[in-house]
Amino acid sequence: YEVAYHHMNEAERESERKLREALDQIWKQIHANEIIGSVLVAAKPKTPAVLKHFLSHDDTRITLFENIERLEKLRVSLQRQTSKSAKISLARLCAALFSFLLETPSRREESTRFKGVMNSQTVIEIERRSADDLSLEEFINQYAKLRKPVVITDLNMFRLPWTNGYINTTCGNHRPEFKKRPRNAATWGGLVAVKEEITLSEFLSTYNKNSTRKQWYLHDYSLPTECPEIMGEYPPYDNFYVPKYFAGDYFQRLPFIGYQHSWPSLFIGSNGTQSALHIDSGGTNFWMYLIEGKKEWRFFNHFDKVNLYPRPNSNHFEFDVFKDSVDDYPLVQKASMYTAIQNPGELIFIPGGCPHGVHNHADITAISMNYLDSSNFWLYLWTQLMEGNYRDFELYSDSQFPIGLKKSQREVTFGEFKSTNWYDNARFLDLF
């Protein structure tokens, strides 16, 4: 080390000194707490279950918020004191620590949960259920809370069919941002923005014919913010129905966050387009309803993330679930993969925190929604805390926030979905 330091220029030496000072501060914070901390553990509980315990008792709740404040002050202090190169070194150190954690005995035990899967990967077909005989209570307890995917059929989603012609009539003059998937892209879902701007109408007339635009993908295009007229011209905006399974979305219960106006969103892509293996942000649950086309889903449970070669500090993975061989990524053989072919008129539910990738086997049109309810509430809170989103964490952990769903919940129009007063209806919530 001394030889390396001797050959550094003055700027590199200053960066190294700043890095050492930052690491010394971190070490002092850790060393000063016998339980590693009131800073690192108490401020960031290890699991959603631990977080739930912390918030259910007044003394631990107060301690948690005090330590969040201390951790944030430390983070701000380090940001001010460290140079750009030192911050890069700190990021690399975090990546190294992440890799080390993956090799600890507890992680190895988790990664070998499926014993006997040695030479081939376990593939499980995702269960299919009709909405006619699947109650909300059964959906929550048998699928959502267990983080188990399911395909739901026989849903009534629209008053008027959302064909590409209808979408063109109502939203065709808009200019959305399109995506494409270059090889080895490190962005969300492996997708990057296309620089060219065209109307949605022009895209609909060329996306399955033009060789360049066949690679484009209309991805997660927010309809409430960008084309609200598609929901209906007047209240109750009944050209779209939210199924009973998702009508109790917690994001609709607070007025001060942005998520509640993001969904449903629109997806349109040509045969062959896809999204890389990824995890949706925030620990949110996710559903997608296919209007036209055919999609293939590949999904893994949350405890198999360690076997999928995760990128440090990211919701993405090195393993390409549609291209790479398990011979090149041997840990994947220890994971169980759920799969389904989704056809028009079917909705697929993907639980929060679970890696998934999708490939289009035909030109597709679909809508989707990320949401929050009692099944993933503690995962969402824990994720907000881990990511330092303290404002949202405080809003949702407030004791007055209405938690729970109604067993008697029915499908609702989009207008009802947006206007329900959940605080006034809190006494009717009987499913937790």
Protein backbone atom coordinates (compact mmCIF):
# COMPACT_ATOMS: atom_id res chain seq x y z
CA TYR A 1 0.00 0.00 0.00
CA GLU A 2 2.80 2.44 0.91
CA VAL A 3 4.41 1.92 -2.52
CA ALA A 4 1.07 2.60 -4.24
CA TYR A 5 0.55 5.71 -2.10
CA HIS A 6 4.06 6.94 -2.98
CA HIS A 7 3.20 6.92 -6.71
CA MET A 8 -0.05 8.85 -6.29
CA ASN A 9 -0.24 12.50 -7.30
CA GLU A 10 -1.43 15.07 -4.77
CA ALA A 11 -5.07 14.96 -5.91
CA GLU A 12 -5.14 11.14 -5.62
CA ARG A 13 -3.55 11.32 -2.17
CA GLU A 14 -6.13 13.85 -1.01
CA SER A 15 -8.90 11.60 -2.32
CA GLU A 16 -7.36 8.65 -0.50
CA ARG A 17 -7.15 10.61 2.75
CA LYS A 18 -10.81 11.63 2.42
CA LEU A 19 -11.79 8.03 1.82
CA ARG A 20 -9.86 6.87 4.88
CA GLU A 21 -11.49 9.57 7.02
CA ALA A 22 -14.93 8.49 5.80
CA LEU A 23 -14.22 4.84 6.54
CA ASP A 24 -12.87 5.78 9.97
CA GLN A 25 -16.14 7.57 10.74
CA ILE A 26 -18.16 4.56 9.64
CA TRP A 27 -16.01 2.25 11.75
CA LYS A 28 -16.36 4.46 14.82
CA GLN A 29 -20.14 4.44 14.44
CA ILE A 30 -20.16 0.65 14.18
CA HIS A 31 -17.63 0.13 16.98
CA ALA A 32 -19.53 2.42 19.33
CA ASN A 33 -22.58 0.12 19.27
CA GLU A 34 -22.40 -3.41 20.58
CA ILE A 35 -25.31 -4.59 18.43
CA ILE A 36 -23.89 -2.99 15.31
CA GLY A 37 -25.98 -0.65 15.71
CA SER A 38 -28.27 1.67 16.61
CA VAL A 39 -27.07 3.10 13.30
CA LEU A 40 -26.91 0.12 10.95
CA VAL A 41 -29.38 -2.38 12.38
CA ALA A 42 -31.84 -0.49 14.53
CA ALA A 43 -32.08 2.24 11.91
CA LYS A 44 -32.57 -0.34 9.16
CA PRO A 45 -34.27 -3.50 10.42
CA LYS A 46 -33.17 -6.68 8.64
CA THR A 47 -36.60 -7.76 7.39
CA PRO A 48 -40.14 -6.40 6.95
CA ALA A 49 -41.21 -8.62 9.87
CA VAL A 50 -38.65 -6.99 12.19
CA LEU A 51 -39.81 -3.57 11.02
CA LYS A 52 -43.42 -4.48 11.81
CA HIS A 53 -42.33 -5.44 15.36
CA PHE A 54 -40.42 -2.16 15.79
CA LEU A 55 -43.40 -0.03 14.78
CA SER A 56 -45.90 -1.90 16.95
CA HIS A 57 -44.27 -0.78 20.22
CA ASP A 58 -43.93 2.84 21.29
CA ASP A 59 -40.41 2.54 22.73
CA THR A 60 -38.87 0.77 19.75
CA ARG A 61 -40.79 3.05 17.39
CA ILE A 62 -39.23 6.15 18.97
CA THR A 63 -35.77 4.55 18.95
CA LEU A 64 -36.15 3.66 15.28
CA PHE A 65 -36.97 7.23 14.25
CA GLU A 66 -34.11 8.61 16.36
CA ASN A 67 -31.66 6.29 14.66
CA ILE A 68 -33.01 7.14 11.21
CA GLU A 69 -32.21 10.75 11.98
CA ARG A 70 -28.68 9.83 13.13
CA LEU A 71 -28.05 7.72 10.04
CA GLU A 72 -29.22 10.50 7.72
CA LYS A 73 -26.94 13.01 9.43
CA LEU A 74 -24.01 10.63 8.99
CA ARG A 75 -24.83 10.16 5.31
CA VAL A 76 -25.03 13.91 4.69
CA SER A 77 -21.78 14.44 6.58
CA LEU A 78 -19.97 11.84 4.48
CA GLN A 79 -21.33 13.36 1.26
CA ARG A 80 -19.91 16.75 2.19
CA GLN A 81 -16.52 15.43 3.25
CA THR A 82 -15.69 12.95 0.50
CA SER A 83 -14.47 13.79 -2.99
CA LYS A 84 -15.99 12.32 -6.14
CA SER A 85 -13.29 9.67 -6.48
CA ALA A 86 -13.65 8.76 -2.81
CA LYS A 87 -17.39 8.31 -3.29
CA ILE A 88 -16.66 5.95 -6.18
CA SER A 89 -14.29 4.01 -3.94
CA LEU A 90 -16.96 3.84 -1.25
CA ALA A 91 -19.45 2.50 -3.80
CA ARG A 92 -16.95 -0.16 -4.84
CA LEU A 93 -16.40 -1.06 -1.21
CA CYS A 94 -20.17 -1.47 -0.75
CA ALA A 95 -20.23 -3.74 -3.80
CA ALA A 96 -17.43 -5.84 -2.31
CA LEU A 97 -19.26 -6.07 1.02
CA PHE A 98 -22.42 -7.10 -0.84
CA SER A 99 -20.53 -9.92 -2.57
CA PHE A 100 -19.10 -11.01 0.78
CA LEU A 101 -22.56 -11.15 2.34
CA LEU A 102 -23.76 -13.45 -0.43
CA GLU A 103 -21.14 -15.97 0.68
CA THR A 104 -22.09 -16.05 4.36
CA PRO A 105 -23.43 -19.39 5.72
CA SER A 106 -26.99 -18.11 6.19
CA ARG A 107 -27.12 -16.99 2.57
CA ARG A 108 -25.68 -20.30 1.38
CA GLU A 109 -28.35 -22.18 3.32
CA GLU A 110 -31.03 -20.02 1.69
CA SER A 111 -29.59 -20.56 -1.79
CA THR A 112 -29.73 -24.36 -1.44
CA ARG A 113 -33.34 -24.47 -0.33
CA PHE A 114 -34.30 -26.67 -3.27
CA LYS A 115 -32.21 -29.77 -2.65
CA GLY A 116 -31.97 -32.25 -5.48
CA VAL A 117 -31.99 -29.58 -8.20
CA MET A 118 -28.53 -30.31 -9.55
CA ASN A 119 -28.35 -30.63 -13.30
CA SER A 120 -31.53 -28.92 -14.41
CA GLN A 121 -33.68 -26.08 -13.21
CA THR A 122 -37.05 -26.73 -11.57
CA VAL A 123 -39.80 -25.20 -13.73
CA ILE A 124 -43.28 -24.69 -12.27
CA GLU A 125 -46.33 -23.70 -14.31
CA ILE A 126 -48.10 -20.68 -12.80
CA GLU A 127 -51.57 -21.58 -11.55
CA ARG A 128 -54.62 -20.26 -13.44
CA ARG A 129 -57.86 -19.22 -11.70
CA SER A 130 -61.17 -17.87 -12.92
CA ALA A 131 -62.37 -14.62 -11.36
CA ASP A 132 -65.80 -16.27 -11.15
CA ASP A 133 -64.67 -18.52 -8.29
CA LEU A 134 -61.71 -16.62 -6.77
CA SER A 135 -62.72 -14.43 -3.84
CA LEU A 136 -60.69 -11.46 -2.65
CA GLU A 137 -59.95 -13.21 0.65
CA GLU A 138 -58.69 -16.32 -1.13
CA PHE A 139 -56.54 -14.24 -3.49
CA ILE A 140 -54.93 -12.37 -0.58
CA ASN A 141 -54.29 -15.40 1.65
CA GLN A 142 -53.38 -18.02 -0.95
CA TYR A 143 -51.45 -15.92 -3.46
CA ALA A 144 -50.57 -12.33 -2.50
CA LYS A 145 -49.42 -12.94 1.09
CA LEU A 146 -47.52 -16.06 0.05
CA ARG A 147 -45.85 -14.15 -2.81
CA LYS A 148 -47.21 -16.67 -5.25
CA PRO A 149 -47.99 -15.63 -8.84
CA VAL A 150 -51.32 -16.46 -10.45
CA VAL A 151 -53.04 -15.96 -13.82
CA ILE A 152 -56.65 -14.73 -13.45
CA THR A 153 -59.17 -15.23 -16.26
CA ASP A 154 -62.77 -14.08 -16.91
CA LEU A 155 -62.32 -10.49 -15.74
CA ASN A 156 -64.48 -7.57 -16.84
CA MET A 157 -62.07 -4.67 -17.35
CA PHE A 158 -63.69 -2.33 -19.91
CA ARG A 159 -67.07 -0.91 -20.92
CA LEU A 160 -65.80 -0.40 -24.49
CA PRO A 161 -63.05 -2.74 -25.81
CA TRP A 162 -59.58 -1.15 -25.64
CA THR A 163 -58.50 -2.19 -29.12
CA ASN A 164 -55.55 -0.51 -30.83
CA GLY A 165 -58.13 1.39 -32.87
CA TYR A 166 -59.78 2.76 -29.74
CA ILE A 167 -56.38 3.64 -28.23
CA ASN A 168 -55.45 5.42 -31.46
CA THR A 169 -58.72 7.39 -31.44
CA THR A 170 -58.36 8.58 -27.84
CA CYS A 171 -54.58 8.91 -27.39
CA GLY A 172 -53.11 8.87 -30.91
CA ASN A 173 -52.07 12.55 -30.95
CA HIS A 174 -49.87 12.15 -27.84
CA ARG A 175 -46.07 11.83 -28.11
CA PRO A 176 -44.96 9.25 -25.54
CA GLU A 177 -41.38 8.22 -24.82
CA PHE A 178 -40.52 4.91 -26.46
CA LYS A 179 -37.93 2.40 -25.27
CA LYS A 180 -35.64 -0.14 -26.84
CA ARG A 181 -33.45 -2.88 -25.40
CA PRO A 182 -29.80 -2.77 -26.50
CA ARG A 183 -27.61 -5.67 -25.50
CA ASN A 184 -26.07 -5.51 -22.01
CA ALA A 185 -27.91 -2.32 -21.02
CA ALA A 186 -27.68 -1.76 -17.25
CA THR A 187 -30.90 0.27 -17.05
CA TRP A 188 -34.25 -0.74 -15.54
CA GLY A 189 -35.56 -3.80 -17.40
CA GLY A 190 -32.62 -3.44 -19.81
CA LEU A 191 -34.51 -0.63 -21.60
CA VAL A 192 -33.23 2.76 -22.78
CA ALA A 193 -35.12 5.73 -24.22
CA VAL A 194 -35.41 6.25 -27.96
CA LYS A 195 -34.32 9.74 -29.05
CA GLU A 196 -36.74 10.07 -31.99
CA GLU A 197 -40.15 11.58 -31.22
CA ILE A 198 -43.30 10.42 -33.03
CA THR A 199 -46.99 10.35 -32.17
CA LEU A 200 -48.61 7.24 -30.74
CA SER A 201 -50.74 7.10 -33.89
CA GLU A 202 -47.66 6.89 -36.12
CA PHE A 203 -46.15 4.22 -33.87
CA LEU A 204 -49.31 2.11 -34.03
CA SER A 205 -49.24 2.18 -37.81
CA THR A 206 -45.56 1.22 -38.13
CA TYR A 207 -44.32 -0.66 -35.03
CA ASN A 208 -44.86 -4.13 -36.52
CA LYS A 209 -43.71 -3.18 -40.05
CA ASN A 210 -40.78 -0.78 -39.83
CA SER A 211 -37.55 -2.70 -39.06
CA THR A 212 -36.28 0.02 -36.71
CA ARG A 213 -39.53 0.51 -34.82
CA LYS A 214 -39.98 -3.22 -34.36
CA GLN A 215 -37.29 -2.81 -31.71
CA TRP A 216 -39.22 -0.05 -29.95
CA TYR A 217 -41.47 -0.62 -26.96
CA LEU A 218 -44.15 1.62 -25.46
CA HIS A 219 -43.35 0.80 -21.87
CA ASP A 220 -45.25 1.77 -18.71
CA TYR A 221 -46.95 4.78 -20.31
CA SER A 222 -49.05 6.44 -17.59
CA LEU A 223 -52.64 6.78 -18.80
CA PRO A 224 -54.05 8.86 -15.88
CA THR A 225 -51.40 11.55 -16.38
CA GLU A 226 -50.83 11.38 -20.16
CA CYS A 227 -54.19 10.29 -21.64
CA PRO A 228 -56.91 10.41 -18.94
CA GLU A 229 -59.66 10.67 -21.56
CA ILE A 230 -59.30 6.95 -22.26
CA MET A 231 -60.99 6.26 -18.92
CA GLY A 232 -64.18 7.96 -20.08
CA GLU A 233 -65.21 11.48 -20.90
CA TYR A 234 -67.28 12.15 -17.77
CA PRO A 235 -67.57 10.84 -14.18
CA PRO A 236 -67.71 8.10 -13.03
CA TYR A 237 -65.09 7.39 -15.75
CA ASP A 238 -66.55 3.96 -16.32
CA ASN A 239 -64.64 2.88 -19.41
CA PHE A 240 -62.16 1.10 -17.14
CA TYR A 241 -62.91 -1.14 -14.15
CA VAL A 242 -60.41 -1.94 -11.41
CA PRO A 243 -60.82 -5.61 -10.37
CA LYS A 244 -61.82 -6.24 -6.75
CA TYR A 245 -58.41 -7.76 -6.02
CA PHE A 246 -56.68 -4.41 -6.52
CA ALA A 247 -59.42 -1.87 -5.70
CA GLY A 248 -58.07 -1.36 -2.17
CA ASP A 249 -54.74 0.08 -3.36
CA TYR A 250 -53.06 1.91 -0.46
CA PHE A 251 -51.49 4.43 -2.86
CA GLN A 252 -54.97 5.93 -3.33
CA ARG A 253 -55.29 6.62 0.40
CA LEU A 254 -52.73 9.44 0.60
CA PRO A 255 -52.85 12.67 -1.42
CA PHE A 256 -49.21 13.68 -1.00
CA ILE A 257 -47.30 11.11 -3.06
CA GLY A 258 -46.93 10.65 -6.81
CA TYR A 259 -47.58 6.92 -7.19
CA GLN A 260 -51.35 7.18 -6.96
CA HIS A 261 -51.60 8.89 -10.35
CA SER A 262 -49.16 6.68 -12.28
CA TRP A 263 -51.33 3.68 -13.14
CA PRO A 264 -52.81 1.96 -15.05
CA SER A 265 -50.10 2.23 -17.68
CA LEU A 266 -50.00 1.12 -21.30
CA PHE A 267 -47.60 -1.32 -23.00
CA ILE A 268 -47.39 -1.85 -26.79
CA GLY A 269 -44.64 -3.81 -28.52
CA SER A 270 -43.91 -6.00 -31.50
CA ASN A 271 -43.21 -9.70 -31.58
CA GLY A 272 -39.78 -10.39 -30.07
CA THR A 273 -39.51 -7.40 -27.71
CA GLN A 274 -38.85 -8.13 -24.05
CA SER A 275 -37.84 -6.86 -20.61
CA ALA A 276 -34.79 -8.24 -18.84
CA LEU A 277 -34.98 -9.97 -15.47
CA HIS A 278 -35.66 -7.29 -12.83
CA ILE A 279 -37.54 -6.47 -9.63
CA ASP A 280 -40.12 -3.69 -9.56
CA SER A 281 -39.10 -0.82 -7.30
CA GLY A 282 -40.45 -0.21 -3.83
CA GLY A 283 -41.55 -3.77 -3.07
CA THR A 284 -44.81 -3.07 -4.94
CA ASN A 285 -47.11 -5.80 -6.22
CA PHE A 286 -47.76 -5.77 -9.96
CA TRP A 287 -50.42 -6.99 -12.38
CA MET A 288 -50.68 -6.93 -16.15
CA TYR A 289 -53.79 -7.51 -18.28
CA LEU A 290 -53.15 -8.59 -21.86
CA ILE A 291 -55.48 -7.02 -24.45
CA GLU A 292 -53.84 -8.43 -27.57
CA GLY A 293 -50.94 -10.80 -28.33
CA LYS A 294 -49.05 -13.46 -26.38
CA LYS A 295 -46.49 -13.02 -23.59
CA GLU A 296 -44.16 -15.47 -21.89
CA TRP A 297 -43.39 -14.81 -18.22
CA ARG A 298 -40.48 -16.19 -16.24
CA PHE A 299 -40.61 -15.51 -12.53
CA PHE A 300 -38.55 -16.39 -9.43
CA ASN A 301 -39.41 -16.21 -5.77
CA HIS A 302 -37.80 -13.52 -3.63
CA PHE A 303 -35.57 -15.94 -1.70
CA ASP A 304 -33.94 -17.06 -4.97
CA LYS A 305 -32.52 -13.62 -5.77
CA VAL A 306 -29.14 -14.71 -4.44
CA ASN A 307 -28.99 -17.46 -7.09
CA LEU A 308 -29.66 -15.15 -10.05
CA TYR A 309 -26.39 -13.19 -9.99
CA PRO A 310 -27.80 -9.86 -8.76
CA ARG A 311 -25.95 -6.66 -9.61
CA PRO A 312 -24.85 -4.87 -6.42
CA ASN A 313 -27.09 -2.01 -5.33
CA SER A 314 -29.50 -2.71 -8.18
CA ASN A 315 -32.82 -4.38 -9.00
CA HIS A 316 -31.24 -6.09 -12.02
CA PHE A 317 -29.35 -9.32 -12.66
CA GLU A 318 -26.42 -10.51 -14.74
CA PHE A 319 -28.35 -13.63 -15.74
CA ASP A 320 -30.49 -13.20 -18.89
CA VAL A 321 -33.47 -15.46 -18.22
CA PHE A 322 -34.29 -15.87 -21.92
CA LYS A 323 -30.79 -16.24 -23.41
CA ASP A 324 -28.19 -17.42 -20.92
CA SER A 325 -27.44 -21.05 -20.15
CA VAL A 326 -27.46 -22.35 -16.58
CA ASP A 327 -24.12 -23.98 -17.45
CA ASP A 328 -22.62 -20.48 -17.50
CA TYR A 329 -24.56 -19.42 -14.38
CA PRO A 330 -24.60 -22.59 -12.23
CA LEU A 331 -26.29 -21.06 -9.18
CA VAL A 332 -29.45 -20.60 -11.24
CA GLN A 333 -29.87 -24.39 -11.14
CA LYS A 334 -30.64 -24.04 -7.44
CA ALA A 335 -33.62 -21.75 -8.16
CA SER A 336 -37.17 -22.70 -9.05
CA MET A 337 -38.62 -20.82 -11.99
CA TYR A 338 -42.34 -20.16 -12.45
CA THR A 339 -43.52 -19.73 -16.02
CA ALA A 340 -46.72 -18.94 -17.91
CA ILE A 341 -47.90 -18.10 -21.40
CA GLN A 342 -50.35 -15.22 -21.10
CA ASN A 343 -53.12 -14.94 -23.69
CA PRO A 344 -55.56 -12.08 -24.47
CA GLY A 345 -58.13 -11.49 -21.73
CA GLU A 346 -55.88 -12.87 -19.00
CA LEU A 347 -54.33 -11.00 -16.06
CA ILE A 348 -51.09 -12.08 -14.38
CA PHE A 349 -50.24 -11.15 -10.79
CA ILE A 350 -46.55 -10.75 -9.83
CA PRO A 351 -45.82 -10.34 -6.07
CA GLY A 352 -43.59 -7.57 -4.76
CA GLY A 353 -39.87 -8.19 -4.44
CA CYS A 354 -39.82 -11.06 -6.95
CA PRO A 355 -37.54 -11.15 -10.03
CA HIS A 356 -39.36 -11.51 -13.35
CA GLY A 357 -38.72 -11.16 -17.06
CA VAL A 358 -41.10 -11.20 -20.03
CA HIS A 359 -40.81 -11.95 -23.75
CA ASN A 360 -43.43 -11.09 -26.36
CA HIS A 361 -44.27 -13.93 -28.77
CA ALA A 362 -46.63 -11.74 -30.81
CA ASP A 363 -47.47 -8.06 -31.21
CA ILE A 364 -48.88 -7.10 -27.80
CA THR A 365 -51.08 -4.47 -26.20
CA ALA A 366 -51.44 -4.57 -22.41
CA ILE A 367 -52.17 -2.45 -19.35
CA SER A 368 -50.58 -2.77 -15.92
CA MET A 369 -50.60 -1.41 -12.42
CA ASN A 370 -48.21 -1.44 -9.47
CA TYR A 371 -50.00 -1.28 -6.16
CA LEU A 372 -49.76 -1.58 -2.39
CA ASP A 373 -52.08 -3.33 0.06
CA SER A 374 -52.03 -5.46 3.20
CA SER A 375 -50.13 -8.27 1.45
CA ASN A 376 -46.99 -6.24 0.78
CA PHE A 377 -47.38 -3.30 3.16
CA TRP A 378 -44.48 -4.18 5.44
CA LEU A 379 -42.22 -5.02 2.51
CA TYR A 380 -42.97 -1.59 1.03
CA LEU A 381 -42.31 0.20 4.32
CA TRP A 382 -39.07 -1.69 4.81
CA THR A 383 -37.97 -0.88 1.24
CA GLN A 384 -38.67 2.84 1.75
CA LEU A 385 -36.57 2.76 4.90
CA MET A 386 -33.72 0.92 3.18
CA GLU A 387 -33.72 3.43 0.31
CA GLY A 388 -33.87 6.46 2.59
CA ASN A 389 -37.35 7.58 1.47
CA TYR A 390 -38.16 8.81 4.97
CA ARG A 391 -41.05 11.06 3.97
CA ASP A 392 -43.10 8.22 2.47
CA PHE A 393 -42.07 5.96 5.33
CA GLU A 394 -43.41 8.43 7.89
CA LEU A 395 -46.68 9.00 6.00
CA TYR A 396 -47.51 5.30 5.73
CA SER A 397 -46.35 4.38 9.24
CA ASP A 398 -48.61 7.01 10.81
CA SER A 399 -50.95 5.35 13.30
CA GLN A 400 -53.99 6.99 11.65
CA PHE A 401 -53.32 5.51 8.23
CA PRO A 402 -56.23 3.15 7.33
CA ILE A 403 -54.82 -0.38 6.97
CA GLY A 404 -56.83 -3.29 5.60
CA LEU A 405 -59.21 -4.34 2.83
CA LYS A 406 -62.93 -5.14 2.61
CA LYS A 407 -63.86 -8.80 2.16
CA SER A 408 -66.99 -7.63 0.33
CA GLN A 409 -65.00 -5.45 -2.10
CA ARG A 410 -66.33 -5.44 -5.68
CA GLU A 411 -64.86 -4.18 -8.92
CA VAL A 412 -65.02 -0.38 -9.18
CA THR A 413 -65.00 2.18 -11.98
CA PHE A 414 -61.90 4.31 -12.32
CA GLY A 415 -63.84 7.24 -10.90
CA GLU A 416 -64.74 5.27 -7.76
CA PHE A 417 -61.16 4.02 -7.49
CA LYS A 418 -59.85 7.59 -7.38
CA SER A 419 -62.51 9.13 -5.13
CA THR A 420 -63.10 6.62 -2.29
CA ASN A 421 -62.52 8.18 1.14
CA TRP A 422 -60.69 5.37 2.94
CA TYR A 423 -60.43 7.25 6.23
CA ASP A 424 -64.23 7.48 6.46
CA ASN A 425 -64.53 3.81 5.50
CA ALA A 426 -61.84 2.51 7.87
CA ARG A 427 -64.42 0.84 10.15
CA PHE A 428 -65.46 -1.46 7.28
CA LEU A 429 -61.96 -2.83 6.69
CA ASP A 430 -62.00 -6.47 7.82
CA LEU A 431 -59.26 -8.19 5.80
CA PHE A 432 -55.67 -7.68 6.96
